[in-house]
Amino acid sequence: MTQNHHVALISETIRALQRGAPITKELVLILLKPWPDLYRNAIAREGEDWINLLQAAAARIELDPDD
């Protein structure tokens, strides 16, 4: 998955969570897999609590585009 595609999927997932759409934990974990700290936090959280983790992941991609 390209970085642009990864950011797009994260952004789409955040918007869906904000609308109250059901999002699976598996999807969130797949999106956060490159960041073990965020991944571990996502395991313990549910629903809207994932938004901050997803925002942090998107910011990391944008700050370090070579990863």
PDB file of N, CA and C in Angstrom:
ATOM      1  N   MET A   1       0.857  -1.164   0.000  1.00  0.00           N
ATOM      2  CA  MET A   1       0.000   0.000   0.000  1.00  0.00           C
ATOM      3  C   MET A   1       0.906   1.231   0.000  1.00  0.00           C
ATOM      4  N   THR A   2       0.625   2.155  -0.897  1.00  0.00           N
ATOM      5  CA  THR A   2       1.411   3.385  -0.944  1.00  0.00           C
ATOM      6  C   THR A   2       1.059   4.268   0.251  1.00  0.00           C
ATOM      7  N   GLN A   3       1.949   5.193   0.551  1.00  0.00           N
ATOM      8  CA  GLN A   3       1.700   6.102   1.675  1.00  0.00           C
ATOM      9  C   GLN A   3       0.456   6.954   1.438  1.00  0.00           C
ATOM     10  N   ASN A   4       0.285   7.431   0.215  1.00  0.00           N
ATOM     11  CA  ASN A   4      -0.907   8.234  -0.096  1.00  0.00           C
ATOM     12  C   ASN A   4      -2.182   7.424   0.105  1.00  0.00           C
ATOM     13  N   HIS A   5      -2.148   6.165  -0.317  1.00  0.00           N
ATOM     14  CA  HIS A   5      -3.315   5.302  -0.156  1.00  0.00           C
ATOM     15  C   HIS A   5      -3.565   5.024   1.321  1.00  0.00           C
ATOM     16  N   HIS A   6      -2.500   4.813   2.079  1.00  0.00           N
ATOM     17  CA  HIS A   6      -2.618   4.560   3.513  1.00  0.00           C
ATOM     18  C   HIS A   6      -3.261   5.765   4.209  1.00  0.00           C
ATOM     19  N   VAL A   7      -2.794   6.971   3.898  1.00  0.00           N
ATOM     20  CA  VAL A   7      -3.372   8.179   4.485  1.00  0.00           C
ATOM     21  C   VAL A   7      -4.836   8.323   4.067  1.00  0.00           C
ATOM     22  N   ALA A   8      -5.140   8.021   2.818  1.00  0.00           N
ATOM     23  CA  ALA A   8      -6.525   8.123   2.346  1.00  0.00           C
ATOM     24  C   ALA A   8      -7.433   7.153   3.101  1.00  0.00           C
ATOM     25  N   LEU A   9      -6.971   5.928   3.308  1.00  0.00           N
ATOM     26  CA  LEU A   9      -7.775   4.953   4.052  1.00  0.00           C
ATOM     27  C   LEU A   9      -7.956   5.372   5.510  1.00  0.00           C
ATOM     28  N   ILE A  10      -6.902   5.899   6.108  1.00  0.00           N
ATOM     29  CA  ILE A  10      -7.002   6.374   7.487  1.00  0.00           C
ATOM     30  C   ILE A  10      -8.010   7.521   7.566  1.00  0.00           C
ATOM     31  N   SER A  11      -7.920   8.473   6.647  1.00  0.00           N
ATOM     32  CA  SER A  11      -8.836   9.619   6.642  1.00  0.00           C
ATOM     33  C   SER A  11     -10.280   9.171   6.440  1.00  0.00           C
ATOM     34  N   GLU A  12     -10.485   8.242   5.542  1.00  0.00           N
ATOM     35  CA  GLU A  12     -11.826   7.720   5.282  1.00  0.00           C
ATOM     36  C   GLU A  12     -12.376   7.014   6.524  1.00  0.00           C
ATOM     37  N   THR A  13     -11.529   6.287   7.207  1.00  0.00           N
ATOM     38  CA  THR A  13     -11.947   5.578   8.421  1.00  0.00           C
ATOM     39  C   THR A  13     -12.292   6.564   9.531  1.00  0.00           C
ATOM     40  N   ILE A  14     -11.504   7.625   9.670  1.00  0.00           N
ATOM     41  CA  ILE A  14     -11.803   8.658  10.675  1.00  0.00           C
ATOM     42  C   ILE A  14     -13.163   9.288  10.398  1.00  0.00           C
ATOM     43  N   ARG A  15     -13.416   9.639   9.140  1.00  0.00           N
ATOM     44  CA  ARG A  15     -14.709  10.242   8.790  1.00  0.00           C
ATOM     45  C   ARG A  15     -15.867   9.287   9.082  1.00  0.00           C
ATOM     46  N   ALA A  16     -15.666   8.012   8.797  1.00  0.00           N
ATOM     47  CA  ALA A  16     -16.717   7.029   9.073  1.00  0.00           C
ATOM     48  C   ALA A  16     -16.981   6.919  10.571  1.00  0.00           C
ATOM     49  N   LEU A  17     -15.927   6.915  11.369  1.00  0.00           N
ATOM     50  CA  LEU A  17     -16.103   6.874  12.824  1.00  0.00           C
ATOM     51  C   LEU A  17     -16.836   8.111  13.327  1.00  0.00           C
ATOM     52  N   GLN A  18     -16.514   9.263  12.768  1.00  0.00           N
ATOM     53  CA  GLN A  18     -17.178  10.505  13.174  1.00  0.00           C
ATOM     54  C   GLN A  18     -18.662  10.475  12.842  1.00  0.00           C
ATOM     55  N   ARG A  19     -19.016   9.803  11.752  1.00  0.00           N
ATOM     56  CA  ARG A  19     -20.427   9.672  11.368  1.00  0.00           C
ATOM     57  C   ARG A  19     -21.146   8.603  12.180  1.00  0.00           C
ATOM     58  N   GLY A  20     -20.384   7.807  12.913  1.00  0.00           N
ATOM     59  CA  GLY A  20     -20.981   6.735  13.702  1.00  0.00           C
ATOM     60  C   GLY A  20     -21.115   5.423  12.954  1.00  0.00           C
ATOM     61  N   ALA A  21     -20.446   5.307  11.820  1.00  0.00           N
ATOM     62  CA  ALA A  21     -20.498   4.065  11.052  1.00  0.00           C
ATOM     63  C   ALA A  21     -19.745   2.965  11.798  1.00  0.00           C
ATOM     64  N   PRO A  22     -20.218   1.733  11.669  1.00  0.00           N
ATOM     65  CA  PRO A  22     -19.516   0.630  12.338  1.00  0.00           C
ATOM     66  C   PRO A  22     -18.193   0.326  11.621  1.00  0.00           C
ATOM     67  N   ILE A  23     -17.129   0.337  12.379  1.00  0.00           N
ATOM     68  CA  ILE A  23     -15.797   0.043  11.862  1.00  0.00           C
ATOM     69  C   ILE A  23     -15.252  -1.120  12.667  1.00  0.00           C
ATOM     70  N   THR A  24     -14.687  -2.094  11.996  1.00  0.00           N
ATOM     71  CA  THR A  24     -14.173  -3.253  12.710  1.00  0.00           C
ATOM     72  C   THR A  24     -12.805  -2.955  13.328  1.00  0.00           C
ATOM     73  N   LYS A  25     -12.567  -3.610  14.428  1.00  0.00           N
ATOM     74  CA  LYS A  25     -11.271  -3.496  15.095  1.00  0.00           C
ATOM     75  C   LYS A  25     -10.174  -4.002  14.164  1.00  0.00           C
ATOM     76  N   GLU A  26     -10.465  -5.013  13.362  1.00  0.00           N
ATOM     77  CA  GLU A  26      -9.483  -5.574  12.448  1.00  0.00           C
ATOM     78  C   GLU A  26      -8.983  -4.519  11.448  1.00  0.00           C
ATOM     79  N   LEU A  27      -9.904  -3.714  10.925  1.00  0.00           N
ATOM     80  CA  LEU A  27      -9.513  -2.658   9.988  1.00  0.00           C
ATOM     81  C   LEU A  27      -8.579  -1.664  10.664  1.00  0.00           C
ATOM     82  N   VAL A  28      -8.960  -1.235  11.857  1.00  0.00           N
ATOM     83  CA  VAL A  28      -8.130  -0.268  12.584  1.00  0.00           C
ATOM     84  C   VAL A  28      -6.754  -0.851  12.860  1.00  0.00           C
ATOM     85  N   LEU A  29      -6.698  -2.113  13.264  1.00  0.00           N
ATOM     86  CA  LEU A  29      -5.411  -2.738  13.555  1.00  0.00           C
ATOM     87  C   LEU A  29      -4.546  -2.855  12.304  1.00  0.00           C
ATOM     88  N   ILE A  30      -5.152  -3.152  11.179  1.00  0.00           N
ATOM     89  CA  ILE A  30      -4.396  -3.213   9.917  1.00  0.00           C
ATOM     90  C   ILE A  30      -3.811  -1.844   9.589  1.00  0.00           C
ATOM     91  N   LEU A  31      -4.607  -0.803   9.753  1.00  0.00           N
ATOM     92  CA  LEU A  31      -4.127   0.545   9.445  1.00  0.00           C
ATOM     93  C   LEU A  31      -3.022   0.993  10.391  1.00  0.00           C
ATOM     94  N   LEU A  32      -3.049   0.515  11.636  1.00  0.00           N
ATOM     95  CA  LEU A  32      -2.070   0.950  12.637  1.00  0.00           C
ATOM     96  C   LEU A  32      -0.882  -0.005  12.780  1.00  0.00           C
ATOM     97  N   LYS A  33      -0.875  -1.088  12.046  1.00  0.00           N
ATOM     98  CA  LYS A  33       0.173  -2.098  12.186  1.00  0.00           C
ATOM     99  C   LYS A  33       1.607  -1.553  12.066  1.00  0.00           C
ATOM    100  N   PRO A  34       1.879  -0.573  11.221  1.00  0.00           N
ATOM    101  CA  PRO A  34       3.263  -0.076  11.116  1.00  0.00           C
ATOM    102  C   PRO A  34       3.774   0.619  12.389  1.00  0.00           C
ATOM    103  N   TRP A  35       2.891   0.939  13.321  1.00  0.00           N
ATOM    104  CA  TRP A  35       3.283   1.658  14.540  1.00  0.00           C
ATOM    105  C   TRP A  35       2.874   0.826  15.749  1.00  0.00           C
ATOM    106  N   PRO A  36       3.802   0.039  16.292  1.00  0.00           N
ATOM    107  CA  PRO A  36       3.470  -0.872  17.393  1.00  0.00           C
ATOM    108  C   PRO A  36       2.828  -0.189  18.605  1.00  0.00           C
ATOM    109  N   ASP A  37       3.254   1.015  18.928  1.00  0.00           N
ATOM    110  CA  ASP A  37       2.668   1.698  20.080  1.00  0.00           C
ATOM    111  C   ASP A  37       1.194   2.033  19.838  1.00  0.00           C
ATOM    112  N   LEU A  38       0.876   2.523  18.646  1.00  0.00           N
ATOM    113  CA  LEU A  38      -0.521   2.832  18.316  1.00  0.00           C
ATOM    114  C   LEU A  38      -1.352   1.557  18.204  1.00  0.00           C
ATOM    115  N   TYR A  39      -0.744   0.537  17.626  1.00  0.00           N
ATOM    116  CA  TYR A  39      -1.409  -0.761  17.467  1.00  0.00           C
ATOM    117  C   TYR A  39      -1.822  -1.316  18.831  1.00  0.00           C
ATOM    118  N   ARG A  40      -0.892  -1.299  19.792  1.00  0.00           N
ATOM    119  CA  ARG A  40      -1.195  -1.814  21.138  1.00  0.00           C
ATOM    120  C   ARG A  40      -2.310  -1.003  21.807  1.00  0.00           C
ATOM    121  N   ASN A  41      -2.269   0.298  21.636  1.00  0.00           N
ATOM    122  CA  ASN A  41      -3.322   1.139  22.212  1.00  0.00           C
ATOM    123  C   ASN A  41      -4.679   0.843  21.586  1.00  0.00           C
ATOM    124  N   ALA A  42      -4.700   0.560  20.297  1.00  0.00           N
ATOM    125  CA  ALA A  42      -5.962   0.282  19.606  1.00  0.00           C
ATOM    126  C   ALA A  42      -6.604  -0.999  20.114  1.00  0.00           C
ATOM    127  N   ILE A  43      -5.789  -1.953  20.523  1.00  0.00           N
ATOM    128  CA  ILE A  43      -6.331  -3.215  21.033  1.00  0.00           C
ATOM    129  C   ILE A  43      -7.180  -2.958  22.272  1.00  0.00           C
ATOM    130  N   ALA A  44      -6.768  -1.998  23.081  1.00  0.00           N
ATOM    131  CA  ALA A  44      -7.471  -1.714  24.335  1.00  0.00           C
ATOM    132  C   ALA A  44      -8.628  -0.729  24.175  1.00  0.00           C
ATOM    133  N   ARG A  45      -8.768  -0.127  23.013  1.00  0.00           N
ATOM    134  CA  ARG A  45      -9.799   0.899  22.803  1.00  0.00           C
ATOM    135  C   ARG A  45     -10.889   0.398  21.874  1.00  0.00           C
ATOM    136  N   GLU A  46     -11.950   1.156  21.815  1.00  0.00           N
ATOM    137  CA  GLU A  46     -13.072   0.831  20.930  1.00  0.00           C
ATOM    138  C   GLU A  46     -13.650   2.096  20.309  1.00  0.00           C
ATOM    139  N   GLY A  47     -14.203   1.950  19.110  1.00  0.00           N
ATOM    140  CA  GLY A  47     -14.981   2.994  18.455  1.00  0.00           C
ATOM    141  C   GLY A  47     -14.307   4.339  18.326  1.00  0.00           C
ATOM    142  N   GLU A  48     -14.958   5.371  18.842  1.00  0.00           N
ATOM    143  CA  GLU A  48     -14.485   6.741  18.667  1.00  0.00           C
ATOM    144  C   GLU A  48     -13.118   6.966  19.279  1.00  0.00           C
ATOM    145  N   ASP A  49     -12.738   6.154  20.250  1.00  0.00           N
ATOM    146  CA  ASP A  49     -11.410   6.291  20.842  1.00  0.00           C
ATOM    147  C   ASP A  49     -10.301   6.010  19.825  1.00  0.00           C
ATOM    148  N   TRP A  50     -10.641   5.352  18.730  1.00  0.00           N
ATOM    149  CA  TRP A  50      -9.653   5.059  17.697  1.00  0.00           C
ATOM    150  C   TRP A  50      -9.280   6.300  16.879  1.00  0.00           C
ATOM    151  N   ILE A  51     -10.116   7.306  16.887  1.00  0.00           N
ATOM    152  CA  ILE A  51      -9.872   8.481  16.048  1.00  0.00           C
ATOM    153  C   ILE A  51      -8.519   9.104  16.353  1.00  0.00           C
ATOM    154  N   ASN A  52      -8.197   9.301  17.615  1.00  0.00           N
ATOM    155  CA  ASN A  52      -6.910   9.918  17.961  1.00  0.00           C
ATOM    156  C   ASN A  52      -5.737   9.073  17.498  1.00  0.00           C
ATOM    157  N   LEU A  53      -5.864   7.773  17.611  1.00  0.00           N
ATOM    158  CA  LEU A  53      -4.783   6.887  17.170  1.00  0.00           C
ATOM    159  C   LEU A  53      -4.604   6.969  15.649  1.00  0.00           C
ATOM    160  N   LEU A  54      -5.708   6.991  14.940  1.00  0.00           N
ATOM    161  CA  LEU A  54      -5.641   7.094  13.482  1.00  0.00           C
ATOM    162  C   LEU A  54      -5.079   8.446  13.047  1.00  0.00           C
ATOM    163  N   GLN A  55      -5.456   9.508  13.754  1.00  0.00           N
ATOM    164  CA  GLN A  55      -4.911  10.832  13.443  1.00  0.00           C
ATOM    165  C   GLN A  55      -3.399  10.857  13.686  1.00  0.00           C
ATOM    166  N   ALA A  56      -2.960  10.222  14.749  1.00  0.00           N
ATOM    167  CA  ALA A  56      -1.526  10.161  15.039  1.00  0.00           C
ATOM    168  C   ALA A  56      -0.788   9.394  13.946  1.00  0.00           C
ATOM    169  N   ALA A  57      -1.374   8.319  13.461  1.00  0.00           N
ATOM    170  CA  ALA A  57      -0.750   7.545  12.381  1.00  0.00           C
ATOM    171  C   ALA A  57      -0.638   8.377  11.106  1.00  0.00           C
ATOM    172  N   ALA A  58      -1.706   9.086  10.757  1.00  0.00           N
ATOM    173  CA  ALA A  58      -1.673   9.929   9.552  1.00  0.00           C
ATOM    174  C   ALA A  58      -0.606  11.006   9.686  1.00  0.00           C
ATOM    175  N   ALA A  59      -0.491  11.586  10.871  1.00  0.00           N
ATOM    176  CA  ALA A  59       0.518  12.620  11.090  1.00  0.00           C
ATOM    177  C   ALA A  59       1.919  12.045  10.954  1.00  0.00           C
ATOM    178  N   ARG A  60       2.124  10.834  11.422  1.00  0.00           N
ATOM    179  CA  ARG A  60       3.444  10.213  11.304  1.00  0.00           C
ATOM    180  C   ARG A  60       3.811   9.965   9.844  1.00  0.00           C
ATOM    181  N   ILE A  61       2.846   9.562   9.059  1.00  0.00           N
ATOM    182  CA  ILE A  61       3.106   9.345   7.629  1.00  0.00           C
ATOM    183  C   ILE A  61       3.484  10.671   6.985  1.00  0.00           C
ATOM    184  N   GLU A  62       2.738  11.723   7.294  1.00  0.00           N
ATOM    185  CA  GLU A  62       2.986  13.024   6.666  1.00  0.00           C
ATOM    186  C   GLU A  62       4.298  13.641   7.143  1.00  0.00           C
ATOM    187  N   LEU A  63       4.705  13.378   8.379  1.00  0.00           N
ATOM    188  CA  LEU A  63       5.942  13.932   8.910  1.00  0.00           C
ATOM    189  C   LEU A  63       7.169  13.178   8.421  1.00  0.00           C
ATOM    190  N   ASP A  64       7.015  11.879   8.157  1.00  0.00           N
ATOM    191  CA  ASP A  64       8.150  11.071   7.721  1.00  0.00           C
ATOM    192  C   ASP A  64       7.742  10.258   6.490  1.00  0.00           C
ATOM    193  N   PRO A  65       7.633  10.920   5.343  1.00  0.00           N
ATOM    194  CA  PRO A  65       7.103  10.254   4.150  1.00  0.00           C
ATOM    195  C   PRO A  65       7.978   9.144   3.590  1.00  0.00           C
ATOM    196  N   ASP A  66       9.213   8.993   4.065  1.00  0.00           N
ATOM    197  CA  ASP A  66      10.085   7.949   3.532  1.00  0.00           C
ATOM    198  C   ASP A  66       9.895   6.608   4.198  1.00  0.00           C
ATOM    199  N   ASP A  67       9.100   6.520   5.277  1.00  0.00           N
ATOM    200  CA  ASP A  67       8.867   5.241   5.951  1.00  0.00           C
ATOM    201  C   ASP A  67       7.927   4.386   5.157  1.00  0.00           C
TER     202      ASP A  67
END
